[in-house]
């Protein structure tokens, strides 16, 4: 332990950087996946950011192969801090990270995803036999679609709502006419050549999004409705010279309404006399003005149409055969993006003690990101082994509530094993393992001899 100090750790990180953190990690992952019996059909690409504490020369461009520590779009909601980015490709069965790459803090997902596709996707397919690359809407751009076409890999991604063709398709959605898919989902299919690439679009309607979407839609509509009511009240205070002018002003006002419509309206004539007090019965008014009166009502149909539109999203794939990739498998594979997100939550957990960095050299930060990803690989691999062993033997492990489950998290298993100690008595060769329960022993036996050997 005397040799384990800051200088030693720093030199170790320098050695990792000199070898190449992405290349070294790829070798480790290529060994780990076959040992677990993983043959990932789907690979999920995603990115996140880590804020960096300390002063860095963020105004100066670093060397070509070194990341630039600077400000950018922060997933941690700390845009005031410098940051670095991390891209991961994660397989869909165990959440095992297959590939990693540190990036500069101001990197753009749209650009980076395209570069990753161009440089590394063919290697992913060759090493693991991956068929489909899955990513969020940052992958969907004309340039990236062309790069994907050059790799001959199948892909699945979400179409951004900013694409004009997607806006047109979503505006025409009628959920009642869509086919049921799985619990809470309906779908319909269409073809597209967006970006010059033939592709299959699956429009999906999610009932589960309704509560959130309703809150999202109601807020701007209520705000717009209040503005239109105030504008109508102001219009009703305007005096018009004739009834035709009042009707023309009302028609112009009604044409510009978005959240409401004119439910009822009348034009009232108000005589004005030249003297104060009650006029004589036979007195003639000096002037007659015309005023609008009425009420506005909310456009419920417009609101519902917006709710339906925002409850829908589009998944695109270049797999045109809906038998090889049915809509349900397409949706489930996209929802598998949660594997990458769970990996990022693991890396950013405060208990990991590395959610923010204090290293001075960008090269060492790149190496530390690789070490952190290796930790995620070990965690995901162990969790997969535990769950696979439990299911294979039809066994269970108690969760936090004491209920038997077959999919415990590795973190909970670690917590359950806390408190086990080894007692060594002077003069005796054998040690005594304390606090090892029958539940612990059953799980260790399921995992095999390499695990039980540690607790003998």
Protein backbone atom coordinates (compact mmCIF):
# COMPACT_ATOMS: atom_id res chain seq x y z
CA UNK A 1 0.00 0.00 0.00
CA UNK A 2 2.96 2.33 0.53
CA UNK A 3 3.54 2.37 -3.24
CA UNK A 4 -0.09 3.32 -3.96
CA UNK A 5 -0.02 7.12 -3.99
CA UNK A 6 -1.06 10.03 -6.19
CA UNK A 7 2.12 9.89 -8.26
CA UNK A 8 1.71 6.19 -8.95
CA UNK A 9 -1.94 6.58 -9.92
CA UNK A 10 -1.05 9.54 -12.14
CA UNK A 11 1.64 7.57 -13.98
CA UNK A 12 -0.79 4.67 -14.42
CA UNK A 13 -3.31 7.01 -16.03
CA UNK A 14 -0.57 8.40 -18.27
CA UNK A 15 0.29 4.85 -19.38
CA UNK A 16 -3.34 4.15 -20.23
CA UNK A 17 -3.55 7.34 -22.27
CA UNK A 18 -0.33 6.57 -24.14
CA UNK A 19 -1.72 3.19 -25.21
CA UNK A 20 -5.02 4.72 -26.34
CA UNK A 21 -8.04 4.57 -24.06
CA UNK A 22 -10.61 3.73 -26.73
CA UNK A 23 -8.46 1.01 -28.30
CA UNK A 24 -7.59 -0.53 -24.94
CA UNK A 25 -11.19 -0.56 -23.76
CA UNK A 26 -12.33 -2.17 -27.01
CA UNK A 27 -9.91 -5.05 -26.36
CA UNK A 28 -11.27 -5.52 -22.83
CA UNK A 29 -14.91 -5.48 -23.96
CA UNK A 30 -14.19 -7.85 -26.86
CA UNK A 31 -12.92 -10.36 -24.29
CA UNK A 32 -15.71 -9.85 -21.75
CA UNK A 33 -18.73 -10.19 -24.04
CA UNK A 34 -17.93 -13.72 -25.35
CA UNK A 35 -17.15 -14.96 -21.85
CA UNK A 36 -20.66 -13.95 -20.80
CA UNK A 37 -22.12 -15.63 -23.87
CA UNK A 38 -23.40 -12.33 -25.24
CA UNK A 39 -24.12 -11.92 -28.95
CA UNK A 40 -25.57 -8.43 -29.13
CA UNK A 41 -28.04 -8.00 -31.96
CA UNK A 42 -28.79 -4.42 -30.90
CA UNK A 43 -26.17 -1.86 -29.86
CA UNK A 44 -27.24 1.42 -28.25
CA UNK A 45 -25.29 4.63 -28.84
CA UNK A 46 -25.64 7.54 -26.42
CA UNK A 47 -23.62 10.32 -24.77
CA UNK A 48 -23.45 12.26 -21.51
CA UNK A 49 -21.39 15.00 -19.88
CA UNK A 50 -19.30 15.26 -16.70
CA UNK A 51 -18.49 18.60 -15.13
CA UNK A 52 -14.86 19.29 -14.31
CA UNK A 53 -13.74 21.22 -11.24
CA UNK A 54 -10.65 23.41 -11.40
CA UNK A 55 -9.12 25.91 -13.78
CA UNK A 56 -8.26 24.81 -17.28
CA UNK A 57 -7.03 26.67 -20.33
CA UNK A 58 -10.40 26.29 -22.01
CA UNK A 59 -9.72 29.20 -24.37
CA UNK A 60 -6.75 27.38 -25.89
CA UNK A 61 -7.17 24.54 -28.34
CA UNK A 62 -5.46 21.32 -27.11
CA UNK A 63 -3.48 18.84 -29.16
CA UNK A 64 -5.36 16.96 -31.85
CA UNK A 65 -5.84 13.74 -29.85
CA UNK A 66 -6.56 15.44 -26.51
CA UNK A 67 -10.04 16.44 -25.42
CA UNK A 68 -10.88 20.12 -24.98
CA UNK A 69 -12.16 20.91 -21.48
CA UNK A 70 -14.63 23.72 -21.96
CA UNK A 71 -18.26 24.71 -21.51
CA UNK A 72 -21.04 23.16 -23.55
CA UNK A 73 -24.55 21.76 -23.31
CA UNK A 74 -24.63 20.30 -19.79
CA UNK A 75 -26.69 17.19 -18.97
CA UNK A 76 -25.97 18.04 -15.31
CA UNK A 77 -27.71 21.41 -15.66
CA UNK A 78 -24.46 23.19 -14.78
CA UNK A 79 -23.70 25.26 -17.91
CA UNK A 80 -21.43 27.50 -15.83
CA UNK A 81 -18.86 24.71 -15.38
CA UNK A 82 -16.33 23.26 -17.78
CA UNK A 83 -17.08 19.73 -18.83
CA UNK A 84 -16.05 16.68 -20.84
CA UNK A 85 -18.25 14.30 -22.82
CA UNK A 86 -18.40 10.52 -22.95
CA UNK A 87 -19.88 8.44 -25.77
CA UNK A 88 -20.87 4.84 -25.06
CA UNK A 89 -22.14 1.97 -27.17
CA UNK A 90 -23.97 -0.53 -24.95
CA UNK A 91 -25.33 -3.97 -25.84
CA UNK A 92 -28.96 -4.78 -25.12
CA UNK A 93 -28.83 -7.97 -23.04
CA UNK A 94 -26.68 -7.07 -20.02
CA UNK A 95 -26.15 -3.37 -20.58
CA UNK A 96 -22.46 -4.14 -21.14
CA UNK A 97 -20.55 -1.18 -22.64
CA UNK A 98 -18.89 -2.37 -25.85
CA UNK A 99 -17.14 0.85 -26.82
CA UNK A 100 -16.29 4.20 -25.24
CA UNK A 101 -14.73 7.46 -26.33
CA UNK A 102 -13.99 10.64 -24.35
CA UNK A 103 -14.88 13.86 -26.17
CA UNK A 104 -14.46 17.59 -25.75
CA UNK A 105 -16.93 19.47 -23.57
CA UNK A 106 -18.48 21.39 -26.47
CA UNK A 107 -19.01 18.35 -28.71
CA UNK A 108 -22.23 18.00 -30.69
CA UNK A 109 -24.03 14.66 -30.72
CA UNK A 110 -25.10 15.12 -34.34
CA UNK A 111 -21.49 15.53 -35.51
CA UNK A 112 -19.96 13.01 -33.11
CA UNK A 113 -22.46 10.27 -33.90
CA UNK A 114 -21.67 10.67 -37.59
CA UNK A 115 -17.94 10.36 -36.95
CA UNK A 116 -18.48 7.28 -34.78
CA UNK A 117 -20.56 5.68 -37.52
CA UNK A 118 -17.85 6.38 -40.07
CA UNK A 119 -14.92 5.16 -37.95
CA UNK A 120 -16.15 2.40 -35.64
CA UNK A 121 -19.49 0.87 -36.61
CA UNK A 122 -18.05 -1.63 -39.09
CA UNK A 123 -15.68 -2.86 -36.34
CA UNK A 124 -18.66 -3.32 -34.02
CA UNK A 125 -20.42 -5.48 -36.58
CA UNK A 126 -17.30 -7.54 -37.26
CA UNK A 127 -16.37 -8.10 -33.59
CA UNK A 128 -19.78 -8.81 -32.09
CA UNK A 129 -22.01 -9.59 -35.07
CA UNK A 130 -24.21 -6.61 -34.22
CA UNK A 131 -27.07 -6.17 -36.67
CA UNK A 132 -28.79 -2.97 -35.52
CA UNK A 133 -27.41 0.32 -34.24
CA UNK A 134 -29.93 2.14 -32.03
CA UNK A 135 -29.63 5.82 -31.13
CA UNK A 136 -31.74 8.86 -30.29
CA UNK A 137 -32.76 11.58 -32.74
CA UNK A 138 -29.23 13.07 -32.83
CA UNK A 139 -28.31 10.30 -35.26
CA UNK A 140 -31.01 11.33 -37.72
CA UNK A 141 -29.58 13.89 -40.12
CA UNK A 142 -29.05 13.84 -43.87
CA UNK A 143 -25.28 13.63 -43.47
CA UNK A 144 -25.44 10.81 -40.89
CA UNK A 145 -27.94 8.86 -42.97
CA UNK A 146 -25.52 8.93 -45.89
CA UNK A 147 -22.68 7.75 -43.64
CA UNK A 148 -24.87 4.93 -42.33
CA UNK A 149 -25.68 3.89 -45.90
CA UNK A 150 -21.95 3.46 -46.57
CA UNK A 151 -21.54 1.03 -43.63
CA UNK A 152 -24.35 -1.34 -44.69
CA UNK A 153 -25.45 -1.72 -41.05
CA UNK A 154 -29.09 -1.66 -40.05
CA UNK A 155 -30.15 1.20 -37.78
CA UNK A 156 -33.05 2.35 -35.64
CA UNK A 157 -33.53 5.92 -34.50
CA UNK A 158 -36.16 8.46 -33.64
CA UNK A 159 -37.10 11.04 -36.25
CA UNK A 160 -36.79 14.61 -34.91
CA UNK A 161 -40.08 16.49 -34.77
CA UNK A 162 -38.33 19.36 -36.57
CA UNK A 163 -38.18 17.38 -39.83
CA UNK A 164 -40.83 18.83 -42.15
CA UNK A 165 -41.99 15.43 -43.42
CA UNK A 166 -42.36 14.23 -39.82
CA UNK A 167 -44.43 17.28 -38.91
CA UNK A 168 -46.76 16.58 -41.83
CA UNK A 169 -47.13 12.92 -40.85
CA UNK A 170 -47.76 13.70 -37.16
CA UNK A 171 -50.34 16.38 -38.03
CA UNK A 172 -52.42 13.76 -39.86
CA UNK A 173 -52.40 11.20 -37.05
CA UNK A 174 -55.76 9.90 -35.84
CA UNK A 175 -55.12 7.51 -32.91
CA UNK A 176 -58.48 5.78 -33.26
CA UNK A 177 -57.57 4.55 -36.74
CA UNK A 178 -54.15 3.18 -35.74
CA UNK A 179 -53.54 -0.52 -35.12
CA UNK A 180 -53.04 -1.79 -31.56
CA UNK A 181 -49.46 -2.86 -30.93
CA UNK A 182 -48.87 -3.61 -27.24
CA UNK A 183 -50.25 -2.34 -23.96
CA UNK A 184 -50.64 1.43 -24.25
CA UNK A 185 -49.40 1.72 -27.86
CA UNK A 186 -50.91 2.01 -31.32
CA UNK A 187 -49.06 2.28 -34.62
CA UNK A 188 -49.20 2.80 -38.35
CA UNK A 189 -46.45 2.48 -40.97
CA UNK A 190 -45.33 4.49 -43.96
CA UNK A 191 -42.28 4.73 -46.22
CA UNK A 192 -39.89 7.64 -46.58
CA UNK A 193 -36.82 8.61 -48.58
CA UNK A 194 -35.73 11.41 -46.25
CA UNK A 195 -32.05 12.24 -46.71
CA UNK A 196 -32.03 10.23 -49.92
CA UNK A 197 -32.15 6.91 -48.02
CA UNK A 198 -35.11 4.48 -48.34
CA UNK A 199 -36.49 3.81 -44.89
CA UNK A 200 -39.49 2.57 -42.99
CA UNK A 201 -41.29 4.89 -40.59
CA UNK A 202 -43.39 3.55 -37.74
CA UNK A 203 -45.69 6.18 -36.23
CA UNK A 204 -46.39 5.29 -32.62
CA UNK A 205 -49.10 6.63 -30.34
CA UNK A 206 -48.46 6.24 -26.60
CA UNK A 207 -51.33 6.42 -24.12
CA UNK A 208 -48.76 6.50 -21.31
CA UNK A 209 -47.60 9.93 -22.50
CA UNK A 210 -51.09 11.44 -22.24
CA UNK A 211 -50.88 12.92 -18.69
CA UNK A 212 -47.53 14.55 -19.35
CA UNK A 213 -48.56 15.74 -22.81
CA UNK A 214 -51.78 17.25 -21.49
CA UNK A 215 -49.83 19.35 -19.01
CA UNK A 216 -47.41 20.35 -21.74
CA UNK A 217 -50.19 21.34 -24.16
CA UNK A 218 -52.46 23.01 -21.60
CA UNK A 219 -49.88 25.49 -20.33
CA UNK A 220 -49.29 27.43 -23.59
CA UNK A 221 -52.95 27.10 -24.61
CA UNK A 222 -54.14 28.60 -21.32
CA UNK A 223 -51.61 31.40 -21.66
CA UNK A 224 -52.65 32.07 -25.25
CA UNK A 225 -56.33 31.85 -24.27
CA UNK A 226 -55.88 34.48 -21.55
CA UNK A 227 -54.19 36.81 -24.04
CA UNK A 228 -57.03 36.36 -26.53
CA UNK A 229 -59.70 37.02 -23.86
CA UNK A 230 -57.94 40.22 -22.83
CA UNK A 231 -57.66 41.26 -26.48
CA UNK A 232 -61.40 40.59 -26.99
CA UNK A 233 -62.30 42.64 -23.91
CA UNK A 234 -60.19 45.48 -25.29
CA UNK A 235 -61.92 45.17 -28.66
CA UNK A 236 -65.33 45.35 -26.96
CA UNK A 237 -64.39 48.76 -25.52
CA UNK A 238 -63.72 50.21 -28.97
CA UNK A 239 -66.42 52.51 -30.37
CA UNK A 240 -67.17 51.98 -34.08
CA UNK A 241 -68.86 54.45 -36.38
CA UNK A 242 -71.19 51.89 -37.95
CA UNK A 243 -72.28 48.31 -37.52
CA UNK A 244 -70.37 47.19 -40.63
CA UNK A 245 -67.08 48.45 -39.17
CA UNK A 246 -67.77 46.52 -35.95
CA UNK A 247 -68.53 43.30 -37.85
CA UNK A 248 -65.40 43.71 -39.98
CA UNK A 249 -63.22 44.24 -36.89
CA UNK A 250 -64.77 41.13 -35.28
CA UNK A 251 -64.11 39.02 -38.40
CA UNK A 252 -60.48 40.15 -38.50
CA UNK A 253 -60.05 39.42 -34.79
CA UNK A 254 -61.68 35.97 -35.06
CA UNK A 255 -59.42 35.03 -37.96
CA UNK A 256 -56.33 35.41 -35.75
CA UNK A 257 -57.57 33.33 -32.80
CA UNK A 258 -55.64 30.14 -31.99
CA UNK A 259 -56.75 28.87 -28.57
CA UNK A 260 -60.32 30.17 -28.62
CA UNK A 261 -63.16 31.06 -31.00
CA UNK A 262 -66.02 33.55 -30.88
CA UNK A 263 -68.84 31.60 -29.26
CA UNK A 264 -71.46 34.37 -29.40
CA UNK A 265 -71.40 37.99 -30.44
CA UNK A 266 -73.70 40.96 -30.87
CA UNK A 267 -73.33 44.57 -31.97
CA UNK A 268 -74.94 47.10 -29.69
CA UNK A 269 -75.77 50.66 -30.72
CA UNK A 270 -75.22 53.30 -28.04
CA UNK A 271 -76.67 56.80 -28.64
CA UNK A 272 -74.73 59.77 -27.30
CA UNK A 273 -76.35 63.14 -26.60
CA UNK A 274 -74.69 66.47 -26.55
CA UNK A 275 -75.75 67.41 -23.01
CA UNK A 276 -75.43 65.88 -19.61
CA UNK A 277 -78.27 64.25 -17.75
CA UNK A 278 -81.29 62.31 -18.95
CA UNK A 279 -82.33 63.40 -22.45
CA UNK A 280 -85.88 64.47 -23.31
CA UNK A 281 -88.17 61.84 -24.72
CA UNK A 282 -88.17 63.48 -28.15
CA UNK A 283 -84.44 64.39 -28.12
CA UNK A 284 -82.30 63.24 -31.08
CA UNK A 285 -78.85 61.74 -30.32
CA UNK A 286 -75.89 63.78 -31.45
CA UNK A 287 -73.97 60.57 -32.29
CA UNK A 288 -74.53 56.80 -32.37
CA UNK A 289 -71.57 54.45 -31.72
CA UNK A 290 -71.47 50.69 -32.09
CA UNK A 291 -69.83 48.27 -29.65
CA UNK A 292 -69.16 44.54 -29.74
CA UNK A 293 -70.32 42.18 -27.01
CA UNK A 294 -70.05 38.43 -26.67
CA UNK A 295 -67.90 35.60 -25.33
CA UNK A 296 -65.02 33.36 -26.36
CA UNK A 297 -64.83 29.60 -25.94
CA UNK A 298 -61.88 27.20 -25.91
CA UNK A 299 -61.06 25.19 -29.01
CA UNK A 300 -61.36 21.69 -27.50
CA UNK A 301 -60.85 20.02 -30.85
CA UNK A 302 -57.63 21.95 -31.40
CA UNK A 303 -56.42 21.05 -27.94
CA UNK A 304 -57.16 17.36 -28.46
CA UNK A 305 -55.43 17.39 -31.84
CA UNK A 306 -52.30 18.83 -30.23
CA UNK A 307 -52.45 16.27 -27.42
CA UNK A 308 -52.74 13.46 -29.97
CA UNK A 309 -49.88 14.87 -32.04
CA UNK A 310 -47.56 15.30 -29.05
CA UNK A 311 -48.46 11.79 -27.84
CA UNK A 312 -47.01 10.37 -31.04
CA UNK A 313 -43.45 9.87 -32.19
CA UNK A 314 -41.79 8.32 -35.22
CA UNK A 315 -39.19 5.57 -35.27
CA UNK A 316 -37.24 5.11 -38.49
CA UNK A 317 -35.22 2.15 -39.73
CA UNK A 318 -33.59 1.11 -42.97
CA UNK A 319 -34.85 -2.45 -42.38
CA UNK A 320 -37.73 -2.38 -44.87
CA UNK A 321 -38.90 -5.94 -44.12
CA UNK A 322 -41.51 -5.76 -41.35
CA UNK A 323 -41.25 -9.54 -40.89
CA UNK A 324 -37.57 -9.45 -39.97
CA UNK A 325 -38.13 -6.40 -37.77
CA UNK A 326 -41.78 -6.24 -36.63
CA UNK A 327 -43.08 -2.95 -35.15
CA UNK A 328 -43.16 -4.38 -31.62
CA UNK A 329 -39.51 -5.48 -31.80
CA UNK A 330 -38.63 -2.09 -33.27
CA UNK A 331 -40.26 -0.30 -30.33
CA UNK A 332 -38.76 -2.62 -27.72
CA UNK A 333 -35.29 -2.19 -29.19
CA UNK A 334 -35.59 1.59 -29.09
CA UNK A 335 -36.79 1.48 -25.49
CA UNK A 336 -33.60 -0.46 -24.82
CA UNK A 337 -31.82 2.92 -24.88
CA UNK A 338 -32.46 2.72 -21.13
CA UNK A 339 -29.43 0.41 -20.89
CA UNK A 340 -27.14 3.29 -21.86
CA UNK A 341 -28.95 5.72 -19.58
CA UNK A 342 -28.64 3.33 -16.62
CA UNK A 343 -24.94 3.09 -17.33
CA UNK A 344 -24.61 6.86 -17.18
CA UNK A 345 -26.55 6.94 -13.90
CA UNK A 346 -24.07 4.41 -12.49
CA UNK A 347 -21.10 6.53 -13.57
CA UNK A 348 -22.65 9.71 -12.16
CA UNK A 349 -23.85 8.25 -8.87
CA UNK A 350 -22.39 10.18 -5.90
CA UNK A 351 -21.37 6.85 -4.35
CA UNK A 352 -19.06 6.31 -7.32
CA UNK A 353 -17.09 9.38 -6.16
CA UNK A 354 -16.11 10.33 -9.69
CA UNK A 355 -19.09 12.28 -10.99
CA UNK A 356 -16.84 15.34 -11.13
CA UNK A 357 -13.13 15.37 -11.81
CA UNK A 358 -10.20 17.05 -10.07
CA UNK A 359 -7.36 15.93 -12.35
CA UNK A 360 -5.21 18.65 -13.88
CA UNK A 361 -4.24 17.00 -17.16
CA UNK A 362 -6.91 16.34 -19.82
CA UNK A 363 -5.03 13.17 -20.80
CA UNK A 364 -5.53 11.76 -17.31
CA UNK A 365 -9.22 12.66 -17.40
CA UNK A 366 -9.54 10.65 -20.62
CA UNK A 367 -7.82 7.68 -18.93
CA UNK A 368 -10.03 8.00 -15.85
CA UNK A 369 -13.14 7.89 -18.04
CA UNK A 370 -11.85 4.61 -19.45
CA UNK A 371 -11.28 3.20 -15.94
CA UNK A 372 -14.79 4.27 -14.93
CA UNK A 373 -16.22 2.51 -17.99
CA UNK A 374 -14.33 -0.65 -17.04
CA UNK A 375 -15.99 -0.42 -13.61
CA UNK A 376 -19.37 -0.18 -15.36
CA UNK A 377 -18.46 -3.23 -17.45
CA UNK A 378 -17.64 -5.27 -14.33
CA UNK A 379 -20.83 -4.12 -12.59
CA UNK A 380 -23.04 -4.93 -15.62
CA UNK A 381 -21.33 -8.30 -16.14
CA UNK A 382 -21.79 -9.35 -12.52
CA UNK A 383 -25.42 -8.26 -12.47
CA UNK A 384 -26.03 -10.25 -15.66
CA UNK A 385 -24.36 -13.34 -14.17
CA UNK A 386 -26.47 -13.09 -11.00
CA UNK A 387 -29.75 -12.73 -12.89
CA UNK A 388 -28.89 -15.44 -15.40
CA UNK A 389 -27.94 -17.88 -12.64
CA UNK A 390 -31.15 -17.21 -10.70
CA UNK A 391 -33.34 -17.74 -13.76
CA UNK A 392 -31.46 -20.85 -14.88
CA UNK A 393 -31.99 -22.54 -11.50
CA UNK A 394 -35.47 -21.04 -10.95
CA UNK A 395 -34.11 -19.45 -7.76
CA UNK A 396 -34.76 -16.06 -6.20
CA UNK A 397 -33.00 -13.43 -4.11
CA UNK A 398 -34.84 -11.09 -1.67
CA UNK A 399 -35.09 -7.49 -2.83
CA UNK A 400 -35.18 -4.35 -0.66
CA UNK A 401 -38.71 -5.19 0.52
CA UNK A 402 -37.83 -8.80 1.31
CA UNK A 403 -39.78 -10.11 -1.67
CA UNK A 404 -38.18 -12.91 -3.73
CA UNK A 405 -37.14 -11.72 -7.21
CA UNK A 406 -35.02 -13.06 -10.05
CA UNK A 407 -33.71 -9.69 -11.22
CA UNK A 408 -32.03 -8.01 -8.23
CA UNK A 409 -29.67 -5.14 -8.93
CA UNK A 410 -25.99 -5.75 -8.32
CA UNK A 411 -25.98 -2.72 -6.03
CA UNK A 412 -28.54 -4.35 -3.74
CA UNK A 413 -26.61 -7.63 -3.73
CA UNK A 414 -23.45 -5.70 -2.76
CA UNK A 415 -25.39 -4.02 0.04
CA UNK A 416 -26.72 -7.37 1.26
CA UNK A 417 -23.17 -8.76 1.43
CA UNK A 418 -21.93 -5.86 3.58
CA UNK A 419 -20.90 -6.99 7.05
CA UNK A 420 -19.25 -10.27 6.07
CA UNK A 421 -15.80 -10.50 7.69
CA UNK A 422 -12.90 -12.94 7.75
CA UNK A 423 -11.57 -13.85 11.22
CA UNK A 424 -8.01 -15.13 11.39
CA UNK A 425 -6.91 -16.72 14.68
CA UNK A 426 -3.18 -16.79 15.42
CA UNK A 427 -1.82 -20.32 15.31
CA UNK A 428 -4.65 -21.66 13.12
CA UNK A 429 -4.33 -22.18 9.39
CA UNK A 430 -8.04 -21.92 8.53
CA UNK A 431 -9.96 -18.65 8.73
CA UNK A 432 -13.55 -18.22 9.82
CA UNK A 433 -16.04 -16.30 7.66
CA UNK A 434 -18.47 -14.37 9.84
CA UNK A 435 -22.07 -13.31 9.06
CA UNK A 436 -22.34 -15.47 5.94
CA UNK A 437 -25.98 -16.57 5.84
CA UNK A 438 -27.61 -19.45 3.98
CA UNK A 439 -28.99 -16.94 1.46
CA UNK A 440 -25.49 -15.71 0.71
CA UNK A 441 -24.23 -19.26 0.32
CA UNK A 442 -27.03 -20.25 -2.06
CA UNK A 443 -26.29 -17.29 -4.33
CA UNK A 444 -22.55 -18.00 -4.30
CA UNK A 445 -23.16 -21.67 -5.19
CA UNK A 446 -25.35 -20.61 -8.10
CA UNK A 447 -22.57 -18.37 -9.41
CA UNK A 448 -20.00 -21.18 -9.25
CA UNK A 449 -16.70 -22.18 -7.68
CA UNK A 450 -14.75 -18.99 -8.46
CA UNK A 451 -17.22 -17.11 -6.23
CA UNK A 452 -17.51 -19.63 -3.41
CA UNK A 453 -13.72 -19.83 -3.19
CA UNK A 454 -13.54 -16.25 -1.91
CA UNK A 455 -15.83 -17.06 1.04
CA UNK A 456 -14.37 -20.33 2.24
